[in-house]
Protein backbone atom coordinates (compact mmCIF):
# COMPACT_ATOMS: atom_id res chain seq x y z
CA UNK A 1 64.36 145.11 100.20
CA UNK A 2 63.13 147.10 102.38
CA UNK A 3 62.06 144.76 105.19
CA UNK A 4 66.12 143.51 105.08
CA UNK A 5 67.47 146.56 105.19
CA UNK A 6 65.10 147.47 108.85
CA UNK A 7 65.83 143.96 109.77
CA UNK A 8 69.55 144.52 109.37
CA UNK A 9 69.38 147.82 111.56
CA UNK A 10 67.50 145.83 113.96
CA UNK A 11 69.41 143.25 114.80
CA UNK A 12 73.06 144.14 113.21
CA UNK A 13 74.98 142.40 110.39
CA UNK A 14 77.09 140.25 112.73
CA UNK A 15 74.29 138.69 114.65
CA UNK A 16 72.25 137.94 112.08
CA UNK A 17 75.48 136.56 109.88
CA UNK A 18 75.83 133.95 113.30
CA UNK A 19 72.57 133.03 112.98
CA UNK A 20 72.60 131.94 109.61
CA UNK A 21 75.86 130.07 110.01
CA UNK A 22 73.84 128.40 113.31
CA UNK A 23 70.98 127.85 111.51
CA UNK A 24 73.37 125.90 108.57
CA UNK A 25 75.15 123.82 110.71
CA UNK A 26 71.89 122.74 112.82
CA UNK A 27 70.29 121.73 109.29
CA UNK A 28 73.54 120.00 107.79
CA UNK A 29 74.14 118.20 111.32
CA UNK A 30 70.56 117.09 111.57
CA UNK A 31 71.01 115.93 107.51
CA UNK A 32 74.33 113.96 108.16
CA UNK A 33 73.14 112.28 111.95
CA UNK A 34 68.74 111.39 110.35
CA UNK A 35 68.62 111.32 107.45
CA UNK A 36 71.91 110.84 105.93
CA UNK A 37 71.48 106.78 103.93
CA UNK A 38 74.40 105.79 106.65
CA UNK A 39 72.92 107.74 109.70
CA UNK A 40 71.99 104.56 110.66
CA UNK A 41 75.28 103.18 111.01
CA UNK A 42 76.97 102.86 114.94
CA UNK A 43 80.03 105.17 115.38
CA UNK A 44 81.28 108.57 116.58
CA UNK A 45 78.88 111.31 115.70
CA UNK A 46 81.97 113.99 115.13
CA UNK A 47 82.57 111.42 112.41
CA UNK A 48 79.50 111.47 110.71
CA UNK A 49 79.50 115.52 110.37
CA UNK A 50 82.84 115.29 109.20
CA UNK A 51 86.07 114.06 107.65
CA UNK A 52 89.08 115.32 110.40
CA UNK A 53 88.68 112.40 112.94
CA UNK A 54 89.49 110.13 110.18
CA UNK A 55 92.39 112.29 108.88
CA UNK A 56 94.23 112.92 112.06
CA UNK A 57 93.79 109.38 112.23
CA UNK A 58 96.17 108.81 109.11
CA UNK A 59 98.26 111.64 109.99
CA UNK A 60 98.81 110.51 113.12
CA UNK A 61 99.55 106.96 112.00
CA UNK A 62 97.26 105.56 114.52
CA UNK A 63 94.47 103.98 112.20
CA UNK A 64 95.08 100.87 112.64
CA UNK A 65 94.73 101.21 116.27
CA UNK A 66 92.10 103.50 115.96
CA UNK A 67 89.51 101.21 113.48
CA UNK A 68 90.35 98.17 116.35
CA UNK A 69 89.19 100.76 119.36
CA UNK A 70 86.21 101.91 117.45
CA UNK A 71 84.82 98.60 116.16
CA UNK A 72 85.56 96.74 119.85
CA UNK A 73 83.34 99.80 121.04
CA UNK A 74 80.53 100.12 118.30
CA UNK A 75 81.10 96.36 116.14
CA UNK A 76 81.54 95.13 112.79
CA UNK A 77 79.80 97.65 110.33
CA UNK A 78 81.12 101.21 111.51
CA UNK A 79 80.66 104.58 110.47
CA UNK A 80 84.32 106.63 109.99
CA UNK A 81 83.35 109.45 108.16
CA UNK A 82 80.66 111.24 106.62
CA UNK A 83 80.54 109.29 103.47
CA UNK A 84 83.03 106.20 104.64
CA UNK A 85 82.63 102.88 106.41
CA UNK A 86 84.23 100.30 107.63
CA UNK A 87 83.24 97.08 108.26
CA UNK A 88 85.39 94.40 109.67
CA UNK A 89 84.20 91.06 109.09
CA UNK A 90 85.38 87.73 106.92
CA UNK A 91 82.25 87.74 105.26
CA UNK A 92 82.86 91.29 103.80
CA UNK A 93 86.39 91.01 102.92
CA UNK A 94 85.35 88.08 100.75
CA UNK A 95 82.24 90.54 99.34
CA UNK A 96 84.23 93.65 98.70
CA UNK A 97 87.68 92.59 97.26
CA UNK A 98 86.33 89.31 95.72
CA UNK A 99 82.67 89.67 94.50
CA UNK A 100 80.57 90.50 92.10
CA UNK A 101 79.03 93.18 91.50
CA UNK A 102 82.83 95.14 91.77
CA UNK A 103 83.71 97.38 94.28
CA UNK A 104 86.19 99.74 92.34
CA UNK A 105 88.88 101.52 93.25
CA UNK A 106 88.09 105.25 93.45
CA UNK A 107 89.04 108.49 94.00
CA UNK A 108 91.78 107.03 96.57
CA UNK A 109 93.42 105.69 93.91
CA UNK A 110 93.36 108.26 91.61
CA UNK A 111 94.89 110.29 94.19
CA UNK A 112 97.98 108.19 93.35
CA UNK A 113 98.28 109.01 89.72
CA UNK A 114 98.28 112.49 90.35
CA UNK A 115 100.32 114.04 87.04
CA UNK A 116 100.71 110.80 85.63
CA UNK A 117 98.67 109.29 82.14
CA UNK A 118 99.07 106.27 82.23
CA UNK A 119 98.37 104.86 86.02
CA UNK A 120 100.41 101.27 86.64
CA UNK A 121 99.48 97.85 88.47
CA UNK A 122 98.23 98.81 91.64
CA UNK A 123 96.41 102.61 91.59
CA UNK A 124 93.95 101.59 87.90
CA UNK A 125 90.63 102.62 88.80
CA UNK A 126 89.50 100.99 85.21
CA UNK A 127 88.76 97.46 85.39
CA UNK A 128 89.29 96.70 81.53
CA UNK A 129 92.96 98.54 81.70
CA UNK A 130 93.54 97.16 85.17
CA UNK A 131 92.57 93.32 83.39
CA UNK A 132 94.59 94.36 80.12
CA UNK A 133 98.06 95.08 82.81
CA UNK A 134 97.50 92.21 84.28
CA UNK A 135 97.07 89.70 81.75
CA UNK A 136 100.90 91.12 80.19
CA UNK A 137 102.63 91.19 83.82
CA UNK A 138 100.99 87.98 85.27
CA UNK A 139 103.95 84.96 83.10
CA UNK A 140 106.87 87.69 85.12
CA UNK A 141 105.30 85.05 88.05
CA UNK A 142 104.55 82.25 86.82
CA UNK A 143 106.33 79.64 88.56
CA UNK A 144 108.89 78.52 86.11
CA UNK A 145 109.53 82.27 85.71
CA UNK A 146 110.57 83.01 89.17
CA UNK A 147 112.37 79.19 89.35
CA UNK A 148 114.61 80.52 86.56
CA UNK A 149 115.09 83.86 88.69
CA UNK A 150 116.18 81.98 92.22
CA UNK A 151 120.20 81.98 91.29
CA UNK A 152 120.19 85.26 91.11
CA UNK A 153 117.75 85.69 94.19
CA UNK A 154 120.09 83.42 96.24
CA UNK A 155 123.11 85.29 95.24
CA UNK A 156 121.37 88.57 96.72
CA UNK A 157 120.64 86.04 99.50
CA UNK A 158 124.58 85.04 99.76
CA UNK A 159 125.99 88.59 99.89
CA UNK A 160 122.92 89.41 102.38
CA UNK A 161 124.62 86.78 105.04
CA UNK A 162 127.91 88.37 103.95
CA UNK A 163 126.65 91.35 105.54
CA UNK A 164 125.65 89.85 108.57
CA UNK A 165 128.81 88.37 109.04
CA UNK A 166 130.43 91.75 109.02
CA UNK A 167 128.40 93.51 111.01
CA UNK A 168 127.14 91.12 113.69
CA UNK A 169 129.63 92.36 116.45
CA UNK A 170 127.99 96.05 115.85
CA UNK A 171 128.08 97.54 119.26
CA UNK A 172 124.31 98.72 118.86
CA UNK A 173 123.04 95.18 116.71
CA UNK A 174 122.45 94.40 113.87
CA UNK A 175 119.09 96.69 111.74
CA UNK A 176 117.43 93.97 110.65
CA UNK A 177 114.82 96.19 108.44
CA UNK A 178 117.61 98.05 106.84
CA UNK A 179 119.51 95.27 105.61
CA UNK A 180 115.74 93.16 104.75
CA UNK A 181 114.55 96.21 102.89
CA UNK A 182 118.35 96.30 100.96
CA UNK A 183 117.53 92.97 100.03
CA UNK A 184 114.54 93.06 98.75
CA UNK A 185 114.82 95.80 96.84
CA UNK A 186 118.38 94.73 95.63
CA UNK A 187 116.49 91.76 94.45
CA UNK A 188 112.85 93.36 92.91
CA UNK A 189 114.81 95.68 91.09
CA UNK A 190 117.64 92.80 90.02
CA UNK A 191 114.83 90.87 88.48
CA UNK A 192 112.78 93.97 86.63
CA UNK A 193 116.38 95.63 85.19
CA UNK A 194 118.94 93.26 85.01
CA UNK A 195 120.97 94.64 87.61
CA UNK A 196 120.58 95.47 91.33
CA UNK A 197 120.34 98.79 92.98
CA UNK A 198 123.65 97.89 94.85
CA UNK A 199 121.82 98.79 98.41
CA UNK A 200 123.91 95.90 99.72
CA UNK A 201 127.28 95.77 98.50
CA UNK A 202 127.40 100.04 99.25
CA UNK A 203 125.44 99.61 102.41
CA UNK A 204 123.16 102.08 102.05
CA UNK A 205 119.66 102.25 100.11
CA UNK A 206 120.13 103.84 96.97
CA UNK A 207 117.82 107.17 96.87
CA UNK A 208 114.56 105.44 95.10
CA UNK A 209 114.05 103.22 98.31
CA UNK A 210 114.70 106.15 100.58
CA UNK A 211 112.63 107.82 98.78
CA UNK A 212 109.21 105.66 99.31
CA UNK A 213 108.70 106.79 102.16
CA UNK A 214 107.91 110.65 101.22
CA UNK A 215 106.36 108.99 98.01
CA UNK A 216 103.56 107.25 100.60
CA UNK A 217 103.78 110.89 102.69
CA UNK A 218 102.31 112.58 99.80
CA UNK A 219 99.45 109.93 98.92
CA UNK A 220 98.39 110.80 102.17
CA UNK A 221 99.01 114.62 102.07
CA UNK A 222 96.89 114.16 98.99
CA UNK A 223 94.04 112.18 100.18
CA UNK A 224 93.55 114.54 103.20
CA UNK A 225 93.37 116.99 100.72
CA UNK A 226 90.62 115.70 98.96
CA UNK A 227 88.35 114.74 102.35
CA UNK A 228 88.68 118.30 103.83
CA UNK A 229 88.76 120.77 100.64
CA UNK A 230 85.87 121.55 98.74
CA UNK A 231 85.46 120.25 95.73
CA UNK A 232 86.04 123.53 93.23
CA UNK A 233 90.30 123.63 95.21
CA UNK A 234 90.20 120.17 95.13
CA UNK A 235 90.63 120.91 90.96
CA UNK A 236 93.64 122.48 91.81
CA UNK A 237 95.54 119.77 93.52
CA UNK A 238 98.89 119.98 91.77
CA UNK A 239 99.62 123.17 92.52
CA UNK A 240 99.02 122.04 96.57
CA UNK A 241 102.01 119.70 95.60
CA UNK A 242 105.29 121.08 96.68
CA UNK A 243 107.92 121.26 93.75
CA UNK A 244 110.23 119.27 95.64
CA UNK A 245 108.03 116.60 95.64
CA UNK A 246 106.86 116.90 92.18
CA UNK A 247 110.84 117.67 91.18
CA UNK A 248 111.67 113.73 92.52
CA UNK A 249 108.57 112.38 91.31
CA UNK A 250 109.80 113.41 87.72
CA UNK A 251 113.37 112.27 89.12
CA UNK A 252 111.96 108.89 89.39
CA UNK A 253 110.08 108.81 86.67
CA UNK A 254 113.20 109.44 84.42
CA UNK A 255 115.12 107.46 86.80
CA UNK A 256 113.24 103.94 85.43
CA UNK A 257 112.59 105.20 81.75
CA UNK A 258 115.90 105.06 81.46
CA UNK A 259 116.78 101.71 83.19
CA UNK A 260 113.49 100.34 81.08
CA UNK A 261 115.06 101.60 77.54
CA UNK A 262 119.04 100.39 78.79
CA UNK A 263 116.97 96.99 79.54
CA UNK A 264 114.99 96.84 76.56
CA UNK A 265 118.25 97.79 74.14
CA UNK A 266 120.30 95.27 76.05
CA UNK A 267 118.96 91.52 74.26
CA UNK A 268 122.55 90.09 75.47
CA UNK A 269 121.27 89.87 79.38
CA UNK A 270 120.23 86.96 81.32
CA UNK A 271 116.21 86.00 81.15
CA UNK A 272 114.62 88.20 84.11
CA UNK A 273 110.92 90.73 83.78
CA UNK A 274 111.77 91.97 80.83
CA UNK A 275 112.31 88.32 79.23
CA UNK A 276 109.07 87.08 80.37
CA UNK A 277 107.17 90.33 79.12
CA UNK A 278 109.19 89.77 75.38
CA UNK A 279 106.75 85.95 75.56
CA UNK A 280 103.58 87.99 75.89
CA UNK A 281 101.77 88.21 72.34
CA UNK A 282 102.70 92.01 70.91
CA UNK A 283 99.38 93.14 70.99
CA UNK A 284 99.26 92.22 74.72
CA UNK A 285 102.48 93.69 75.65
CA UNK A 286 102.03 97.28 77.32
CA UNK A 287 103.30 100.27 76.38
CA UNK A 288 106.59 102.08 77.77
CA UNK A 289 104.40 104.14 79.66
CA UNK A 290 102.54 101.17 81.52
CA UNK A 291 106.01 99.39 82.16
CA UNK A 292 107.46 102.66 83.82
CA UNK A 293 104.70 102.70 85.89
CA UNK A 294 104.53 99.00 87.14
CA UNK A 295 108.55 98.54 87.13
CA UNK A 296 108.11 101.90 90.35
CA UNK A 297 105.48 100.13 91.68
CA UNK A 298 107.23 97.02 91.74
CA UNK A 299 110.06 98.88 93.91
CA UNK A 300 108.01 100.49 96.09
CA UNK A 301 105.93 97.45 97.00
CA UNK A 302 108.19 94.21 96.23
CA UNK A 303 111.01 95.97 98.70
CA UNK A 304 108.83 97.35 101.53
CA UNK A 305 106.04 94.93 102.02
CA UNK A 306 108.60 91.96 101.77
CA UNK A 307 111.14 94.05 104.47
CA UNK A 308 108.29 94.63 106.76
CA UNK A 309 107.65 90.94 106.92
CA UNK A 310 110.87 89.94 107.43
CA UNK A 311 111.69 92.52 110.07
CA UNK A 312 107.86 91.57 111.84
CA UNK A 313 109.00 87.66 111.02
CA UNK A 314 112.37 87.73 113.58
CA UNK A 315 110.51 89.91 115.92
CA UNK A 316 108.13 87.65 116.84
CA UNK A 317 110.75 84.72 116.66
CA UNK A 318 112.86 86.23 119.02
CA UNK A 319 110.33 87.55 121.69
CA UNK A 320 108.66 83.82 121.67
CA UNK A 321 110.80 81.22 122.30
CA UNK A 322 109.09 78.37 122.15
CA UNK A 323 108.01 79.46 118.23
CA UNK A 324 112.00 79.99 117.99
CA UNK A 325 113.06 76.73 119.38
CA UNK A 326 110.58 74.99 117.34
CA UNK A 327 111.80 76.67 113.98
CA UNK A 328 115.41 76.36 114.22
CA UNK A 329 114.60 72.60 115.32
CA UNK A 330 113.35 72.02 112.21
CA UNK A 331 115.54 74.14 109.81
CA UNK A 332 118.77 73.07 111.38
CA UNK A 333 117.33 69.24 111.02
CA UNK A 334 116.78 69.90 107.67
CA UNK A 335 119.61 70.79 105.85
CA UNK A 336 123.58 70.48 106.43
CA UNK A 337 124.77 73.45 104.71
CA UNK A 338 123.41 76.30 103.16
CA UNK A 339 123.61 75.26 99.58
CA UNK A 340 120.41 72.77 100.41
CA UNK A 341 118.97 75.98 101.33
CA UNK A 342 116.74 76.37 97.65
CA UNK A 343 113.59 77.61 97.08
CA UNK A 344 112.01 74.33 96.47
CA UNK A 345 113.85 72.82 100.01
CA UNK A 346 112.16 74.95 102.26
CA UNK A 347 108.93 75.45 100.37
CA UNK A 348 108.65 71.86 102.10
CA UNK A 349 108.97 73.21 105.73
CA UNK A 350 105.51 73.25 108.13
CA UNK A 351 106.23 74.93 110.38
CA UNK A 352 108.15 77.90 108.61
CA UNK A 353 105.69 78.03 106.33
CA UNK A 354 103.00 78.34 109.96
CA UNK A 355 105.17 81.26 110.53
CA UNK A 356 105.46 82.84 107.62
CA UNK A 357 101.58 83.05 108.49
CA UNK A 358 101.40 83.92 111.74
CA UNK A 359 103.72 86.92 110.99
CA UNK A 360 101.52 88.19 108.57
CA UNK A 361 98.47 87.72 110.39
CA UNK A 362 99.07 89.30 113.50
CA UNK A 363 101.38 92.42 111.68
CA UNK A 364 100.25 92.57 107.24
CA UNK A 365 102.01 94.60 105.63
CA UNK A 366 99.49 96.06 104.44
CA UNK A 367 97.39 97.11 107.65
CA UNK A 368 94.14 97.71 105.82
CA UNK A 369 92.94 96.13 102.41
CA UNK A 370 92.61 99.23 100.32
CA UNK A 371 90.13 101.41 99.79
CA UNK A 372 86.57 100.23 97.80
CA UNK A 373 83.73 102.49 96.54
CA UNK A 374 80.12 100.64 97.18
CA UNK A 375 78.19 100.24 93.68
CA UNK A 376 75.46 100.02 95.85
CA UNK A 377 75.37 96.40 97.29
CA UNK A 378 74.73 94.20 100.31
CA UNK A 379 77.82 93.58 103.23
CA UNK A 380 77.33 90.83 105.25
CA UNK A 381 73.76 91.88 106.25
CA UNK A 382 74.03 95.43 105.55
CA UNK A 383 73.32 97.86 102.36
CA UNK A 384 76.20 100.25 101.68
CA UNK A 385 75.15 102.77 99.32
CA UNK A 386 75.99 103.20 96.04
CA UNK A 387 79.57 105.90 96.18
CA UNK A 388 79.99 104.82 99.67
CA UNK A 389 83.69 104.18 100.50
CA UNK A 390 84.14 100.73 102.11
CA UNK A 391 87.22 99.69 103.92
CA UNK A 392 87.80 96.07 105.31
CA UNK A 393 90.81 96.37 108.28
CA UNK A 394 93.00 93.36 108.12
CA UNK A 395 94.15 94.81 111.71
CA UNK A 396 91.09 94.44 113.32
CA UNK A 397 89.74 91.33 111.44
CA UNK A 398 92.87 89.23 112.40
CA UNK A 399 92.07 89.99 115.40
CA UNK A 400 88.64 89.50 116.27
CA UNK A 401 88.20 86.64 118.42
CA UNK A 402 85.12 85.41 116.35
CA UNK A 403 87.97 84.47 113.58
CA UNK A 404 91.01 83.64 115.77
CA UNK A 405 91.55 82.09 119.03
CA UNK A 406 94.64 83.99 121.43
CA UNK A 407 93.82 86.37 118.28
CA UNK A 408 96.17 88.56 120.03
CA UNK A 409 99.40 85.68 120.41
CA UNK A 410 101.74 84.76 117.84
CA UNK A 411 100.56 81.05 117.70
CA UNK A 412 102.24 79.61 114.72
CA UNK A 413 100.77 75.97 115.62
CA UNK A 414 97.30 77.62 114.85
CA UNK A 415 98.50 76.51 111.19
CA UNK A 416 99.19 73.39 111.17
CA UNK A 417 95.33 71.91 110.70
CA UNK A 418 94.03 72.62 107.50
CA UNK A 419 90.55 72.85 108.87
CA UNK A 420 88.36 75.66 108.46
CA UNK A 421 86.27 76.42 111.42
CA UNK A 422 85.10 79.04 113.99
CA UNK A 423 87.15 80.40 116.18
CA UNK A 424 84.40 82.09 118.32
CA UNK A 425 83.27 78.70 119.16
CA UNK A 426 86.09 76.48 120.46
CA UNK A 427 87.51 75.55 117.53
CA UNK A 428 89.36 75.67 114.80
CA UNK A 429 90.59 79.30 113.21
CA UNK A 430 88.58 80.96 110.66
CA UNK A 431 91.55 80.88 108.80
CA UNK A 432 90.27 82.47 105.29
CA UNK A 433 89.42 85.37 107.35
CA UNK A 434 93.74 85.83 107.08
CA UNK A 435 93.99 87.83 103.28
CA UNK A 436 97.39 89.65 103.71
CA UNK A 437 97.72 89.64 100.03
CA UNK A 438 94.15 90.61 98.69
CA UNK A 439 91.88 88.80 96.96
CA UNK A 440 89.90 88.46 93.80
CA UNK A 441 90.87 90.02 90.79
CA UNK A 442 93.60 92.62 92.95
CA UNK A 443 95.39 90.03 94.76
CA UNK A 444 99.12 91.28 94.65
CA UNK A 445 100.60 89.85 91.88
CA UNK A 446 103.95 88.98 93.58
CA UNK A 447 102.62 86.73 96.23
CA UNK A 448 104.82 83.80 95.14
CA UNK A 449 107.70 85.82 95.18
CA UNK A 450 107.94 87.40 98.76
CA UNK A 451 107.08 84.30 100.01
CA UNK A 452 110.05 82.69 97.95
CA UNK A 453 111.86 85.69 99.44
CA UNK A 454 110.73 85.40 103.23
CA UNK A 455 111.33 81.60 102.85
CA UNK A 456 115.11 81.81 101.84
CA UNK A 457 115.61 84.80 104.50
CA UNK A 458 114.21 83.44 107.74
CA UNK A 459 115.74 79.59 106.51
CA UNK A 460 119.15 81.18 105.38
CA UNK A 461 119.37 83.21 108.67
CA UNK A 462 118.40 80.65 111.21
CA UNK A 463 120.51 77.89 110.21
CA UNK A 464 123.76 80.01 109.98
CA UNK A 465 123.12 82.73 113.15
CA UNK A 466 121.55 82.39 116.76
CA UNK A 467 119.94 85.45 117.00
CA UNK A 468 118.20 87.32 120.00
CA UNK A 469 117.21 91.04 120.59
CA UNK A 470 119.98 94.03 121.08
CA UNK A 471 117.52 95.91 122.28
CA UNK A 472 114.12 96.30 124.10
CA UNK A 473 111.52 97.03 121.60
CA UNK A 474 107.62 96.54 121.41
CA UNK A 475 107.32 96.44 117.28
CA UNK A 476 103.62 96.24 117.36
CA UNK A 477 102.56 99.13 120.57
CA UNK A 478 105.97 101.40 118.81
CA UNK A 479 105.22 101.26 114.96
CA UNK A 480 102.97 103.87 112.99
CA UNK A 481 100.62 103.57 109.64
CA UNK A 482 101.71 105.93 107.25
CA UNK A 483 100.14 104.21 104.56
CA UNK A 484 102.89 101.51 104.86
CA UNK A 485 104.63 100.71 108.30
CA UNK A 486 107.01 103.39 109.41
CA UNK A 487 108.87 100.75 111.91
CA UNK A 488 110.08 101.06 115.42
CA UNK A 489 113.32 100.08 114.88
CA UNK A 490 114.88 96.17 115.61
CA UNK A 491 117.92 95.52 116.01
CA UNK A 492 119.41 91.98 116.84
CA UNK A 493 122.67 90.28 118.39
CA UNK A 494 123.76 87.81 115.65
CA UNK A 495 125.73 84.80 116.81
CA UNK A 496 127.08 82.54 114.03
CA UNK A 497 126.63 79.00 114.64
CA UNK A 498 126.99 77.81 110.65
CA UNK A 499 131.17 77.06 110.57
CA UNK A 500 131.38 74.71 107.32
CA UNK A 501 131.83 75.65 103.78
CA UNK A 502 129.37 78.52 102.72
CA UNK A 503 126.89 77.79 100.17
């Protein structure tokens, strides 16, 4: 004790504190850069020392391009945080999202569950809980059940066309993202609750839809807190959420509960998703809390992602004349009136599907398949230790010339050959690398519905209108990713071409 006091008197308290901090920082840096299990992974040194580069990249909305640049500099396996790696290969994607042992969802998804006792399908981290929910919800998306719902989707499509006709002369053009989001959110609520949000009719997005970006921003902020704050402070995360956000979250839950109760009590309504759920054996049915959270999830995911794909598809088509001409020729040769444009008929049009596939490759609604935690496993030839978070960025994988020739180009013709190959050596593209709906047990449950909507909207719009850009925009460069896409506005000039009777 006397020696310490003498030392303090000799050199002073502040210099001693600075010395201790410096030595501690050097020890931490040495551990992270030399002795950490991820020390051999290439990547920026600052990312190995701190989560701040990863957090700032996400908050700025440039994580997709930042990851692309990192992989082009450092290779396929990159350390992007103290305990998180990005692996941009198709084999890694298959291993992490579809392999065995299972790569579970971890704390990143628990951030979605804040204040929720029974999480829905997407944020569920418990494997058994997810399997039970998936089994109960699958019947909603069986082909025979979706076929029963086509009439109601077509009603929404008729109204969408009516609104596009009404706004064709708007001086700024038609905001196609707004109308695509109004349509897709109306469709999913019609199928889930037996009535739409009325966004198309009112020409205004329902407040629930308007809250979506705030919902994802909240998750992004919470994820940032989780990565930056010490673990003991993270236990107080509920108090970090603004009261206004908490109130809106509660309002959303109450809204979904009210709509569900009304729908469940009304047995006279037409068949919809709730009807399909009633056909599930009682012992496999979901409880009210799970139903409520999944309905909210369907609204958020089903509306936003489908509208993103539609916006991107129209953008690429009007900016690539060759593809636009090929698709309009196919559509206008196949149909003579709108009533012929059915789900069955449009599914038989190859070039339409090629355009959708290419859109999902070049502008995937989710730029990165969800973060997973490693159980301790080899991923495409490199060991990923237990507990390390793993990202498999679709944005990067889909732009890899080793997977796709002319990878930065919108080239639908690449999907015309079913052969699977190696894009790096002049052969066929490695098409299985493109997985916009995910894969394995966590594959998007609404894939068939999303495909149906995209085919119908694109086919009907291009059958009834000639379209072109109303104002210059670069969707790819001007959009940001804040969990989901914050898209640059795409305004279209619409010129009616079909003059016959409507469907």
